[in-house]
Structures are given as structure tokens and as C-alpha cells.
Amino acid sequence: MRFYTQMKKNNGRLSRGGLVMDYAAAAMDQMEIYRMAHPGSPTAVRRPRLFLRGDLWIALLGPSVEQGIVGIGSTVRAALRAFDVQYLAGLRPPAEVIGNPRAMRRASSAPAA
């Protein structure tokens, strides 16, 4: 209840040491700007969750960092860009398959796991 009351007093912002900070709203604004600038990106389409841990921003799609697709950066934009890179990297075939048509046929005919 104290958290809610403090948030209400500061118009949805947390006060820390006399400074009013609203990281969540600023992060959401930055994410929306990124989505508008990159409308076809994995960030715009999949809308990962955004977290701040220490000095790093984390963009996460999935249940956890270990099981999901993650982008980490020192800014919201950097984390979203890293997320896009990781998401797209997961769609590409392994490097050893790219230049070898025989390996590519084997990979495409292998049963799905």
C-alpha cells in the first residue's frame, strides 16, 4: 500500500533521494519509438518484455533468460537491437550448412526434434 500511495503522490513516479524518476514510462516511450522506426523488426512484431537489472536493460521473449530470446544493452535501444539480432540469428541455418548443398539437403530432410 505504501508503494501505491507514493506512486499516487508523484503522479506514477517513484521518488528517490528527492529526484523524481520514472524509468518505466521512459523505457516504454523509447521502446515505442524503436518499434515505430523498425516496424518489421522482431521487437515490433513480438514485443519482448523489458527489464532493468543494475545498469543493463534486458529485452526478453520467453519464460526466462535461459529459455528465451534475450537482448542485453546499456540502453533500451541497445537491448532491443541486440534482441532483434538474437531473434534473427535463431532463424538462420548453422554456418556449416550455408555453403554446403549436400549438408543443406540432409538438414532439411532430417526429422524435426
PDB file of N, CA and C in Angstrom:
ATOM      1  N   MET A   1       0.826  -1.198   0.000  1.00  0.00           N
ATOM      2  CA  MET A   1       0.000   0.000   0.000  1.00  0.00           C
ATOM      3  C   MET A   1       0.865   1.255   0.000  1.00  0.00           C
ATOM      4  N   ARG A   2       1.984   1.215   0.719  1.00  0.00           N
ATOM      5  CA  ARG A   2       2.869   2.367   0.770  1.00  0.00           C
ATOM      6  C   ARG A   2       3.385   2.699  -0.628  1.00  0.00           C
ATOM      7  N   PHE A   3       3.748   1.663  -1.404  1.00  0.00           N
ATOM      8  CA  PHE A   3       4.229   1.852  -2.769  1.00  0.00           C
ATOM      9  C   PHE A   3       3.161   2.558  -3.601  1.00  0.00           C
ATOM     10  N   TYR A   4       1.925   2.075  -3.523  1.00  0.00           N
ATOM     11  CA  TYR A   4       0.821   2.655  -4.293  1.00  0.00           C
ATOM     12  C   TYR A   4       0.603   4.108  -3.890  1.00  0.00           C
ATOM     13  N   THR A   5       0.617   4.379  -2.598  1.00  0.00           N
ATOM     14  CA  THR A   5       0.408   5.744  -2.104  1.00  0.00           C
ATOM     15  C   THR A   5       1.517   6.664  -2.599  1.00  0.00           C
ATOM     16  N   GLN A   6       2.761   6.200  -2.536  1.00  0.00           N
ATOM     17  CA  GLN A   6       3.892   7.004  -3.009  1.00  0.00           C
ATOM     18  C   GLN A   6       3.772   7.253  -4.508  1.00  0.00           C
ATOM     19  N   MET A   7       3.377   6.240  -5.273  1.00  0.00           N
ATOM     20  CA  MET A   7       3.212   6.388  -6.713  1.00  0.00           C
ATOM     21  C   MET A   7       2.120   7.422  -7.008  1.00  0.00           C
ATOM     22  N   LYS A   8       1.026   7.379  -6.251  1.00  0.00           N
ATOM     23  CA  LYS A   8      -0.094   8.288  -6.470  1.00  0.00           C
ATOM     24  C   LYS A   8       0.324   9.734  -6.190  1.00  0.00           C
ATOM     25  N   LYS A   9       1.092   9.949  -5.120  1.00  0.00           N
ATOM     26  CA  LYS A   9       1.548  11.286  -4.759  1.00  0.00           C
ATOM     27  C   LYS A   9       2.431  11.892  -5.847  1.00  0.00           C
ATOM     28  N   ASN A  10       3.200  11.070  -6.516  1.00  0.00           N
ATOM     29  CA  ASN A  10       4.153  11.551  -7.516  1.00  0.00           C
ATOM     30  C   ASN A  10       3.673  11.328  -8.947  1.00  0.00           C
ATOM     31  N   ASN A  11       2.372  11.214  -9.142  1.00  0.00           N
ATOM     32  CA  ASN A  11       1.807  11.020 -10.479  1.00  0.00           C
ATOM     33  C   ASN A  11       2.403   9.806 -11.185  1.00  0.00           C
ATOM     34  N   GLY A  12       2.533   8.700 -10.477  1.00  0.00           N
ATOM     35  CA  GLY A  12       3.036   7.473 -11.084  1.00  0.00           C
ATOM     36  C   GLY A  12       4.542   7.370 -11.117  1.00  0.00           C
ATOM     37  N   ARG A  13       5.229   8.262 -10.431  1.00  0.00           N
ATOM     38  CA  ARG A  13       6.692   8.242 -10.426  1.00  0.00           C
ATOM     39  C   ARG A  13       7.201   7.928  -9.031  1.00  0.00           C
ATOM     40  N   LEU A  14       8.304   7.219  -8.968  1.00  0.00           N
ATOM     41  CA  LEU A  14       8.946   6.937  -7.691  1.00  0.00           C
ATOM     42  C   LEU A  14       9.928   8.048  -7.365  1.00  0.00           C
ATOM     43  N   SER A  15       9.940   8.465  -6.136  1.00  0.00           N
ATOM     44  CA  SER A  15      10.867   9.491  -5.704  1.00  0.00           C
ATOM     45  C   SER A  15      12.018   8.813  -4.971  1.00  0.00           C
ATOM     46  N   ARG A  16      13.231   9.134  -5.371  1.00  0.00           N
ATOM     47  CA  ARG A  16      14.402   8.547  -4.728  1.00  0.00           C
ATOM     48  C   ARG A  16      15.402   9.669  -4.469  1.00  0.00           C
ATOM     49  N   GLY A  17      15.640   9.961  -3.202  1.00  0.00           N
ATOM     50  CA  GLY A  17      16.598  10.998  -2.844  1.00  0.00           C
ATOM     51  C   GLY A  17      16.210  12.386  -3.344  1.00  0.00           C
ATOM     52  N   GLY A  18      14.934  12.671  -3.390  1.00  0.00           N
ATOM     53  CA  GLY A  18      14.495  13.986  -3.832  1.00  0.00           C
ATOM     54  C   GLY A  18      14.321  14.108  -5.335  1.00  0.00           C
ATOM     55  N   LEU A  19      14.889  13.173  -6.093  1.00  0.00           N
ATOM     56  CA  LEU A  19      14.732  13.208  -7.548  1.00  0.00           C
ATOM     57  C   LEU A  19      13.553  12.326  -7.945  1.00  0.00           C
ATOM     58  N   VAL A  20      12.766  12.810  -8.852  1.00  0.00           N
ATOM     59  CA  VAL A  20      11.626  12.033  -9.330  1.00  0.00           C
ATOM     60  C   VAL A  20      12.064  11.278 -10.576  1.00  0.00           C
ATOM     61  N   MET A  21      11.938   9.929 -10.519  1.00  0.00           N
ATOM     62  CA  MET A  21      12.354   9.099 -11.638  1.00  0.00           C
ATOM     63  C   MET A  21      11.189   8.263 -12.135  1.00  0.00           C
ATOM     64  N   ASP A  22      11.062   8.166 -13.398  1.00  0.00           N
ATOM     65  CA  ASP A  22      10.032   7.318 -13.971  1.00  0.00           C
ATOM     66  C   ASP A  22      10.654   6.485 -15.086  1.00  0.00           C
ATOM     67  N   TYR A  23      11.444   5.489 -14.681  1.00  0.00           N
ATOM     68  CA  TYR A  23      12.151   4.640 -15.636  1.00  0.00           C
ATOM     69  C   TYR A  23      11.192   3.854 -16.516  1.00  0.00           C
ATOM     70  N   ALA A  24      10.129   3.350 -15.943  1.00  0.00           N
ATOM     71  CA  ALA A  24       9.204   2.503 -16.703  1.00  0.00           C
ATOM     72  C   ALA A  24       8.564   3.275 -17.847  1.00  0.00           C
ATOM     73  N   ALA A  25       8.075   4.470 -17.575  1.00  0.00           N
ATOM     74  CA  ALA A  25       7.434   5.267 -18.623  1.00  0.00           C
ATOM     75  C   ALA A  25       8.441   5.680 -19.691  1.00  0.00           C
ATOM     76  N   ALA A  26       9.635   6.059 -19.279  1.00  0.00           N
ATOM     77  CA  ALA A  26      10.668   6.449 -20.238  1.00  0.00           C
ATOM     78  C   ALA A  26      11.067   5.259 -21.105  1.00  0.00           C
ATOM     79  N   ALA A  27      11.202   4.087 -20.492  1.00  0.00           N
ATOM     80  CA  ALA A  27      11.559   2.881 -21.239  1.00  0.00           C
ATOM     81  C   ALA A  27      10.469   2.519 -22.241  1.00  0.00           C
ATOM     82  N   MET A  28       9.220   2.629 -21.834  1.00  0.00           N
ATOM     83  CA  MET A  28       8.116   2.321 -22.741  1.00  0.00           C
ATOM     84  C   MET A  28       8.096   3.307 -23.925  1.00  0.00           C
ATOM     85  N   ASP A  29       8.375   4.568 -23.641  1.00  0.00           N
ATOM     86  CA  ASP A  29       8.446   5.562 -24.714  1.00  0.00           C
ATOM     87  C   ASP A  29       9.568   5.217 -25.693  1.00  0.00           C
ATOM     88  N   GLN A  30      10.740   4.860 -25.156  1.00  0.00           N
ATOM     89  CA  GLN A  30      11.875   4.511 -26.006  1.00  0.00           C
ATOM     90  C   GLN A  30      11.585   3.255 -26.824  1.00  0.00           C
ATOM     91  N   MET A  31      10.898   2.291 -26.214  1.00  0.00           N
ATOM     92  CA  MET A  31      10.537   1.069 -26.937  1.00  0.00           C
ATOM     93  C   MET A  31       9.566   1.395 -28.064  1.00  0.00           C
ATOM     94  N   GLU A  32       8.610   2.260 -27.804  1.00  0.00           N
ATOM     95  CA  GLU A  32       7.636   2.627 -28.836  1.00  0.00           C
ATOM     96  C   GLU A  32       8.310   3.374 -29.989  1.00  0.00           C
ATOM     97  N   ILE A  33       9.244   4.243 -29.677  1.00  0.00           N
ATOM     98  CA  ILE A  33       9.995   4.952 -30.718  1.00  0.00           C
ATOM     99  C   ILE A  33      10.777   3.948 -31.563  1.00  0.00           C
ATOM    100  N   TYR A  34      11.407   2.971 -30.926  1.00  0.00           N
ATOM    101  CA  TYR A  34      12.164   1.943 -31.645  1.00  0.00           C
ATOM    102  C   TYR A  34      11.237   1.131 -32.550  1.00  0.00           C
ATOM    103  N   ARG A  35      10.076   0.746 -32.038  1.00  0.00           N
ATOM    104  CA  ARG A  35       9.117  -0.035 -32.832  1.00  0.00           C
ATOM    105  C   ARG A  35       8.645   0.756 -34.051  1.00  0.00           C
ATOM    106  N   MET A  36       8.383   2.039 -33.869  1.00  0.00           N
ATOM    107  CA  MET A  36       7.920   2.860 -34.988  1.00  0.00           C
ATOM    108  C   MET A  36       9.025   3.028 -36.033  1.00  0.00           C
ATOM    109  N   ALA A  37      10.273   3.125 -35.597  1.00  0.00           N
ATOM    110  CA  ALA A  37      11.396   3.272 -36.513  1.00  0.00           C
ATOM    111  C   ALA A  37      11.725   1.963 -37.230  1.00  0.00           C
ATOM    112  N   HIS A  38      11.373   0.827 -36.620  1.00  0.00           N
ATOM    113  CA  HIS A  38      11.667  -0.500 -37.176  1.00  0.00           C
ATOM    114  C   HIS A  38      10.398  -1.353 -37.149  1.00  0.00           C
ATOM    115  N   PRO A  39       9.403  -1.008 -37.969  1.00  0.00           N
ATOM    116  CA  PRO A  39       8.088  -1.662 -37.879  1.00  0.00           C
ATOM    117  C   PRO A  39       8.073  -3.160 -38.193  1.00  0.00           C
ATOM    118  N   GLY A  40       8.996  -3.656 -38.978  1.00  0.00           N
ATOM    119  CA  GLY A  40       9.017  -5.082 -39.303  1.00  0.00           C
ATOM    120  C   GLY A  40       9.980  -5.879 -38.445  1.00  0.00           C
ATOM    121  N   SER A  41      10.591  -5.237 -37.465  1.00  0.00           N
ATOM    122  CA  SER A  41      11.597  -5.904 -36.639  1.00  0.00           C
ATOM    123  C   SER A  41      10.956  -6.905 -35.686  1.00  0.00           C
ATOM    124  N   PRO A  42      11.746  -7.870 -35.200  1.00  0.00           N
ATOM    125  CA  PRO A  42      11.224  -8.794 -34.186  1.00  0.00           C
ATOM    126  C   PRO A  42      10.695  -8.062 -32.947  1.00  0.00           C
ATOM    127  N   THR A  43      11.322  -6.965 -32.565  1.00  0.00           N
ATOM    128  CA  THR A  43      10.836  -6.182 -31.422  1.00  0.00           C
ATOM    129  C   THR A  43       9.434  -5.658 -31.675  1.00  0.00           C
ATOM    130  N   ALA A  44       9.196  -5.124 -32.866  1.00  0.00           N
ATOM    131  CA  ALA A  44       7.878  -4.570 -33.186  1.00  0.00           C
ATOM    132  C   ALA A  44       6.818  -5.656 -33.284  1.00  0.00           C
ATOM    133  N   VAL A  45       7.200  -6.797 -33.842  1.00  0.00           N
ATOM    134  CA  VAL A  45       6.234  -7.879 -34.061  1.00  0.00           C
ATOM    135  C   VAL A  45       5.998  -8.702 -32.802  1.00  0.00           C
ATOM    136  N   ARG A  46       7.065  -9.071 -32.101  1.00  0.00           N
ATOM    137  CA  ARG A  46       6.956  -9.986 -30.959  1.00  0.00           C
ATOM    138  C   ARG A  46       6.817  -9.296 -29.610  1.00  0.00           C
ATOM    139  N   ARG A  47       7.165  -8.026 -29.515  1.00  0.00           N
ATOM    140  CA  ARG A  47       7.021  -7.217 -28.294  1.00  0.00           C
ATOM    141  C   ARG A  47       7.605  -7.886 -27.033  1.00  0.00           C
ATOM    142  N   PRO A  48       8.929  -7.960 -26.960  1.00  0.00           N
ATOM    143  CA  PRO A  48       9.544  -8.565 -25.775  1.00  0.00           C
ATOM    144  C   PRO A  48       9.302  -7.727 -24.522  1.00  0.00           C
ATOM    145  N   ARG A  49       9.399  -8.379 -23.374  1.00  0.00           N
ATOM    146  CA  ARG A  49       9.320  -7.649 -22.099  1.00  0.00           C
ATOM    147  C   ARG A  49      10.651  -6.948 -21.882  1.00  0.00           C
ATOM    148  N   LEU A  50      10.629  -5.856 -21.141  1.00  0.00           N
ATOM    149  CA  LEU A  50      11.825  -5.062 -20.900  1.00  0.00           C
ATOM    150  C   LEU A  50      12.066  -4.953 -19.405  1.00  0.00           C
ATOM    151  N   PHE A  51      13.310  -5.214 -18.996  1.00  0.00           N
ATOM    152  CA  PHE A  51      13.695  -5.171 -17.582  1.00  0.00           C
ATOM    153  C   PHE A  51      14.949  -4.326 -17.431  1.00  0.00           C
ATOM    154  N   LEU A  52      15.124  -3.732 -16.264  1.00  0.00           N
ATOM    155  CA  LEU A  52      16.359  -3.055 -15.906  1.00  0.00           C
ATOM    156  C   LEU A  52      16.987  -3.828 -14.763  1.00  0.00           C
ATOM    157  N   ARG A  53      18.207  -4.303 -14.970  1.00  0.00           N
ATOM    158  CA  ARG A  53      18.950  -5.033 -13.946  1.00  0.00           C
ATOM    159  C   ARG A  53      20.301  -4.357 -13.768  1.00  0.00           C
ATOM    160  N   GLY A  54      20.456  -3.680 -12.652  1.00  0.00           N
ATOM    161  CA  GLY A  54      21.686  -2.916 -12.442  1.00  0.00           C
ATOM    162  C   GLY A  54      21.754  -1.794 -13.460  1.00  0.00           C
ATOM    163  N   ASP A  55      22.793  -1.786 -14.266  1.00  0.00           N
ATOM    164  CA  ASP A  55      22.964  -0.767 -15.303  1.00  0.00           C
ATOM    165  C   ASP A  55      22.587  -1.288 -16.687  1.00  0.00           C
ATOM    166  N   LEU A  56      22.016  -2.478 -16.775  1.00  0.00           N
ATOM    167  CA  LEU A  56      21.717  -3.078 -18.072  1.00  0.00           C
ATOM    168  C   LEU A  56      20.225  -3.237 -18.317  1.00  0.00           C
ATOM    169  N   TRP A  57      19.826  -2.978 -19.548  1.00  0.00           N
ATOM    170  CA  TRP A  57      18.459  -3.228 -19.983  1.00  0.00           C
ATOM    171  C   TRP A  57      18.410  -4.606 -20.616  1.00  0.00           C
ATOM    172  N   ILE A  58      17.347  -5.336 -20.350  1.00  0.00           N
ATOM    173  CA  ILE A  58      17.168  -6.690 -20.866  1.00  0.00           C
ATOM    174  C   ILE A  58      15.834  -6.761 -21.585  1.00  0.00           C
ATOM    175  N   ALA A  59      15.873  -7.160 -22.852  1.00  0.00           N
ATOM    176  CA  ALA A  59      14.661  -7.417 -23.637  1.00  0.00           C
ATOM    177  C   ALA A  59      14.519  -8.933 -23.704  1.00  0.00           C
ATOM    178  N   LEU A  60      13.378  -9.454 -23.258  1.00  0.00           N
ATOM    179  CA  LEU A  60      13.196 -10.897 -23.133  1.00  0.00           C
ATOM    180  C   LEU A  60      11.896 -11.350 -23.761  1.00  0.00           C
ATOM    181  N   LEU A  61      11.992 -12.393 -24.578  1.00  0.00           N
ATOM    182  CA  LEU A  61      10.831 -13.082 -25.109  1.00  0.00           C
ATOM    183  C   LEU A  61      10.957 -14.528 -24.653  1.00  0.00           C
ATOM    184  N   GLY A  62      10.044 -14.961 -23.807  1.00  0.00           N
ATOM    185  CA  GLY A  62      10.095 -16.315 -23.282  1.00  0.00           C
ATOM    186  C   GLY A  62       9.979 -16.320 -21.777  1.00  0.00           C
ATOM    187  N   PRO A  63      10.001 -17.515 -21.202  1.00  0.00           N
ATOM    188  CA  PRO A  63       9.777 -17.634 -19.762  1.00  0.00           C
ATOM    189  C   PRO A  63      10.953 -17.182 -18.896  1.00  0.00           C
ATOM    190  N   SER A  64      12.177 -17.230 -19.434  1.00  0.00           N
ATOM    191  CA  SER A  64      13.350 -16.856 -18.642  1.00  0.00           C
ATOM    192  C   SER A  64      14.503 -16.520 -19.571  1.00  0.00           C
ATOM    193  N   VAL A  65      15.547 -15.936 -19.017  1.00  0.00           N
ATOM    194  CA  VAL A  65      16.743 -15.618 -19.790  1.00  0.00           C
ATOM    195  C   VAL A  65      17.364 -16.895 -20.348  1.00  0.00           C
ATOM    196  N   GLU A  66      17.327 -17.974 -19.575  1.00  0.00           N
ATOM    197  CA  GLU A  66      17.916 -19.237 -20.004  1.00  0.00           C
ATOM    198  C   GLU A  66      17.122 -19.908 -21.121  1.00  0.00           C
ATOM    199  N   GLN A  67      15.820 -19.733 -21.139  1.00  0.00           N
ATOM    200  CA  GLN A  67      14.975 -20.442 -22.093  1.00  0.00           C
ATOM    201  C   GLN A  67      14.413 -19.552 -23.195  1.00  0.00           C
ATOM    202  N   GLY A  68      14.657 -18.265 -23.141  1.00  0.00           N
ATOM    203  CA  GLY A  68      14.052 -17.360 -24.101  1.00  0.00           C
ATOM    204  C   GLY A  68      15.052 -16.753 -25.052  1.00  0.00           C
ATOM    205  N   ILE A  69      14.596 -15.758 -25.770  1.00  0.00           N
ATOM    206  CA  ILE A  69      15.447 -14.961 -26.649  1.00  0.00           C
ATOM    207  C   ILE A  69      15.695 -13.654 -25.918  1.00  0.00           C
ATOM    208  N   VAL A  70      16.978 -13.279 -25.813  1.00  0.00           N
ATOM    209  CA  VAL A  70      17.372 -12.173 -24.952  1.00  0.00           C
ATOM    210  C   VAL A  70      18.235 -11.176 -25.700  1.00  0.00           C
ATOM    211  N   GLY A  71      18.010  -9.905 -25.428  1.00  0.00           N
ATOM    212  CA  GLY A  71      18.892  -8.840 -25.874  1.00  0.00           C
ATOM    213  C   GLY A  71      19.284  -8.019 -24.667  1.00  0.00           C
ATOM    214  N   ILE A  72      20.565  -7.746 -24.525  1.00  0.00           N
ATOM    215  CA  ILE A  72      21.068  -7.002 -23.363  1.00  0.00           C
ATOM    216  C   ILE A  72      21.869  -5.813 -23.863  1.00  0.00           C
ATOM    217  N   GLY A  73      21.630  -4.643 -23.252  1.00  0.00           N
ATOM    218  CA  GLY A  73      22.367  -3.452 -23.636  1.00  0.00           C
ATOM    219  C   GLY A  73      22.365  -2.401 -22.552  1.00  0.00           C
ATOM    220  N   SER A  74      23.229  -1.418 -22.709  1.00  0.00           N
ATOM    221  CA  SER A  74      23.331  -0.357 -21.702  1.00  0.00           C
ATOM    222  C   SER A  74      22.213   0.675 -21.853  1.00  0.00           C
ATOM    223  N   THR A  75      21.513   0.635 -22.993  1.00  0.00           N
ATOM    224  CA  THR A  75      20.350   1.497 -23.206  1.00  0.00           C
ATOM    225  C   THR A  75      19.186   0.633 -23.681  1.00  0.00           C
ATOM    226  N   VAL A  76      17.994   1.192 -23.645  1.00  0.00           N
ATOM    227  CA  VAL A  76      16.818   0.463 -24.140  1.00  0.00           C
ATOM    228  C   VAL A  76      17.020   0.132 -25.610  1.00  0.00           C
ATOM    229  N   ARG A  77      17.466   1.114 -26.387  1.00  0.00           N
ATOM    230  CA  ARG A  77      17.673   0.898 -27.820  1.00  0.00           C
ATOM    231  C   ARG A  77      18.690  -0.210 -28.074  1.00  0.00           C
ATOM    232  N   ALA A  78      19.784  -0.215 -27.321  1.00  0.00           N
ATOM    233  CA  ALA A  78      20.819  -1.241 -27.499  1.00  0.00           C
ATOM    234  C   ALA A  78      20.275  -2.629 -27.153  1.00  0.00           C
ATOM    235  N   ALA A  79      19.477  -2.727 -26.116  1.00  0.00           N
ATOM    236  CA  ALA A  79      18.898  -4.016 -25.729  1.00  0.00           C
ATOM    237  C   ALA A  79      17.919  -4.508 -26.793  1.00  0.00           C
ATOM    238  N   LEU A  80      17.114  -3.611 -27.347  1.00  0.00           N
ATOM    239  CA  LEU A  80      16.157  -4.006 -28.380  1.00  0.00           C
ATOM    240  C   LEU A  80      16.873  -4.408 -29.666  1.00  0.00           C
ATOM    241  N   ARG A  81      17.920  -3.696 -30.007  1.00  0.00           N
ATOM    242  CA  ARG A  81      18.707  -4.061 -31.193  1.00  0.00           C
ATOM    243  C   ARG A  81      19.367  -5.427 -30.994  1.00  0.00           C
ATOM    244  N   ALA A  82      19.919  -5.663 -29.810  1.00  0.00           N
ATOM    245  CA  ALA A  82      20.526  -6.966 -29.513  1.00  0.00           C
ATOM    246  C   ALA A  82      19.472  -8.070 -29.558  1.00  0.00           C
ATOM    247  N   PHE A  83      18.267  -7.780 -29.085  1.00  0.00           N
ATOM    248  CA  PHE A  83      17.176  -8.745 -29.156  1.00  0.00           C
ATOM    249  C   PHE A  83      16.865  -9.090 -30.612  1.00  0.00           C
ATOM    250  N   ASP A  84      16.763  -8.070 -31.461  1.00  0.00           N
ATOM    251  CA  ASP A  84      16.481  -8.301 -32.873  1.00  0.00           C
ATOM    252  C   ASP A  84      17.554  -9.185 -33.507  1.00  0.00           C
ATOM    253  N   VAL A  85      18.814  -8.909 -33.207  1.00  0.00           N
ATOM    254  CA  VAL A  85      19.925  -9.695 -33.753  1.00  0.00           C
ATOM    255  C   VAL A  85      19.826 -11.150 -33.295  1.00  0.00           C
ATOM    256  N   GLN A  86      19.562 -11.370 -32.000  1.00  0.00           N
ATOM    257  CA  GLN A  86      19.457 -12.734 -31.476  1.00  0.00           C
ATOM    258  C   GLN A  86      18.257 -13.465 -32.067  1.00  0.00           C
ATOM    259  N   TYR A  87      17.151 -12.785 -32.210  1.00  0.00           N
ATOM    260  CA  TYR A  87      15.947 -13.401 -32.774  1.00  0.00           C
ATOM    261  C   TYR A  87      16.206 -13.849 -34.207  1.00  0.00           C
ATOM    262  N   LEU A  88      16.786 -12.964 -35.007  1.00  0.00           N
ATOM    263  CA  LEU A  88      17.058 -13.286 -36.405  1.00  0.00           C
ATOM    264  C   LEU A  88      18.144 -14.348 -36.543  1.00  0.00           C
ATOM    265  N   ALA A  89      19.112 -14.368 -35.643  1.00  0.00           N
ATOM    266  CA  ALA A  89      20.161 -15.389 -35.681  1.00  0.00           C
ATOM    267  C   ALA A  89      19.565 -16.778 -35.476  1.00  0.00           C
ATOM    268  N   GLY A  90      18.511 -16.868 -34.694  1.00  0.00           N
ATOM    269  CA  GLY A  90      17.859 -18.154 -34.457  1.00  0.00           C
ATOM    270  C   GLY A  90      17.112 -18.673 -35.675  1.00  0.00           C
ATOM    271  N   LEU A  91      16.839 -17.803 -36.649  1.00  0.00           N
ATOM    272  CA  LEU A  91      16.126 -18.203 -37.863  1.00  0.00           C
ATOM    273  C   LEU A  91      17.066 -18.679 -38.963  1.00  0.00           C
ATOM    274  N   ARG A  92      18.359 -18.378 -38.837  1.00  0.00           N
ATOM    275  CA  ARG A  92      19.333 -18.739 -39.869  1.00  0.00           C
ATOM    276  C   ARG A  92      19.825 -20.164 -39.660  1.00  0.00           C
ATOM    277  N   PRO A  93      20.161 -20.860 -40.762  1.00  0.00           N
ATOM    278  CA  PRO A  93      20.738 -22.191 -40.616  1.00  0.00           C
ATOM    279  C   PRO A  93      22.153 -22.092 -40.060  1.00  0.00           C
ATOM    280  N   PRO A  94      22.655 -23.149 -39.460  1.00  0.00           N
ATOM    281  CA  PRO A  94      24.035 -23.134 -38.937  1.00  0.00           C
ATOM    282  C   PRO A  94      25.030 -22.800 -40.049  1.00  0.00           C
ATOM    283  N   ALA A  95      26.158 -22.210 -39.698  1.00  0.00           N
ATOM    284  CA  ALA A  95      27.161 -21.755 -40.663  1.00  0.00           C
ATOM    285  C   ALA A  95      27.678 -22.888 -41.539  1.00  0.00           C
ATOM    286  N   GLU A  96      27.860 -24.094 -41.005  1.00  0.00           N
ATOM    287  CA  GLU A  96      28.409 -25.191 -41.799  1.00  0.00           C
ATOM    288  C   GLU A  96      27.440 -25.676 -42.867  1.00  0.00           C
ATOM    289  N   VAL A  97      26.165 -25.342 -42.744  1.00  0.00           N
ATOM    290  CA  VAL A  97      25.169 -25.764 -43.716  1.00  0.00           C
ATOM    291  C   VAL A  97      25.077 -24.768 -44.868  1.00  0.00           C
ATOM    292  N   ILE A  98      25.392 -23.520 -44.632  1.00  0.00           N
ATOM    293  CA  ILE A  98      25.164 -22.460 -45.611  1.00  0.00           C
ATOM    294  C   ILE A  98      25.887 -22.708 -46.935  1.00  0.00           C
ATOM    295  N   GLY A  99      27.162 -23.051 -46.919  1.00  0.00           N
ATOM    296  CA  GLY A  99      27.904 -23.209 -48.165  1.00  0.00           C
ATOM    297  C   GLY A  99      27.938 -24.625 -48.698  1.00  0.00           C
ATOM    298  N   ASN A 100      27.251 -25.573 -48.076  1.00  0.00           N
ATOM    299  CA  ASN A 100      27.335 -26.977 -48.458  1.00  0.00           C
ATOM    300  C   ASN A 100      25.952 -27.500 -48.837  1.00  0.00           C
ATOM    301  N   PRO A 101      25.630 -27.581 -50.153  1.00  0.00           N
ATOM    302  CA  PRO A 101      24.294 -28.024 -50.564  1.00  0.00           C
ATOM    303  C   PRO A 101      23.948 -29.427 -50.065  1.00  0.00           C
ATOM    304  N   ARG A 102      24.922 -30.312 -49.996  1.00  0.00           N
ATOM    305  CA  ARG A 102      24.678 -31.680 -49.520  1.00  0.00           C
ATOM    306  C   ARG A 102      24.250 -31.654 -48.046  1.00  0.00           C
ATOM    307  N   ALA A 103      24.947 -30.869 -47.236  1.00  0.00           N
ATOM    308  CA  ALA A 103      24.591 -30.752 -45.820  1.00  0.00           C
ATOM    309  C   ALA A 103      23.231 -30.084 -45.672  1.00  0.00           C
ATOM    310  N   MET A 104      22.933 -29.134 -46.568  1.00  0.00           N
ATOM    311  CA  MET A 104      21.653 -28.447 -46.505  1.00  0.00           C
ATOM    312  C   MET A 104      20.502 -29.429 -46.781  1.00  0.00           C
ATOM    313  N   ARG A 105      20.685 -30.328 -47.767  1.00  0.00           N
ATOM    314  CA  ARG A 105      19.649 -31.334 -48.051  1.00  0.00           C
ATOM    315  C   ARG A 105      19.459 -32.259 -46.853  1.00  0.00           C
ATOM    316  N   ARG A 106      20.571 -32.657 -46.233  1.00  0.00           N
ATOM    317  CA  ARG A 106      20.483 -33.530 -45.053  1.00  0.00           C
ATOM    318  C   ARG A 106      19.735 -32.825 -43.933  1.00  0.00           C
ATOM    319  N   ALA A 107      20.055 -31.540 -43.713  1.00  0.00           N
ATOM    320  CA  ALA A 107      19.418 -30.790 -42.637  1.00  0.00           C
ATOM    321  C   ALA A 107      17.921 -30.624 -42.886  1.00  0.00           C
ATOM    322  N   SER A 108      17.546 -30.396 -44.148  1.00  0.00           N
ATOM    323  CA  SER A 108      16.120 -30.187 -44.444  1.00  0.00           C
ATOM    324  C   SER A 108      15.333 -31.483 -44.434  1.00  0.00           C
ATOM    325  N   SER A 109      15.999 -32.622 -44.648  1.00  0.00           N
ATOM    326  CA  SER A 109      15.274 -33.894 -44.643  1.00  0.00           C
ATOM    327  C   SER A 109      15.329 -34.590 -43.288  1.00  0.00           C
ATOM    328  N   ALA A 110      16.074 -34.030 -42.343  1.00  0.00           N
ATOM    329  CA  ALA A 110      16.162 -34.634 -41.009  1.00  0.00           C
ATOM    330  C   ALA A 110      14.837 -34.459 -40.286  1.00  0.00           C
ATOM    331  N   PRO A 111      14.423 -35.464 -39.481  1.00  0.00           N
ATOM    332  CA  PRO A 111      13.162 -35.342 -38.745  1.00  0.00           C
ATOM    333  C   PRO A 111      13.245 -34.222 -37.724  1.00  0.00           C
ATOM    334  N   ALA A 112      12.131 -33.567 -37.524  1.00  0.00           N
ATOM    335  CA  ALA A 112      12.064 -32.477 -36.538  1.00  0.00           C
ATOM    336  C   ALA A 112      12.150 -33.032 -35.133  1.00  0.00           C
ATOM    337  N   ALA A 113      12.862 -32.314 -34.277  1.00  0.00           N
ATOM    338  CA  ALA A 113      13.036 -32.766 -32.899  1.00  0.00           C
ATOM    339  C   ALA A 113      11.855 -32.388 -32.063  1.00  0.00           C
TER     340      ALA A 113
END
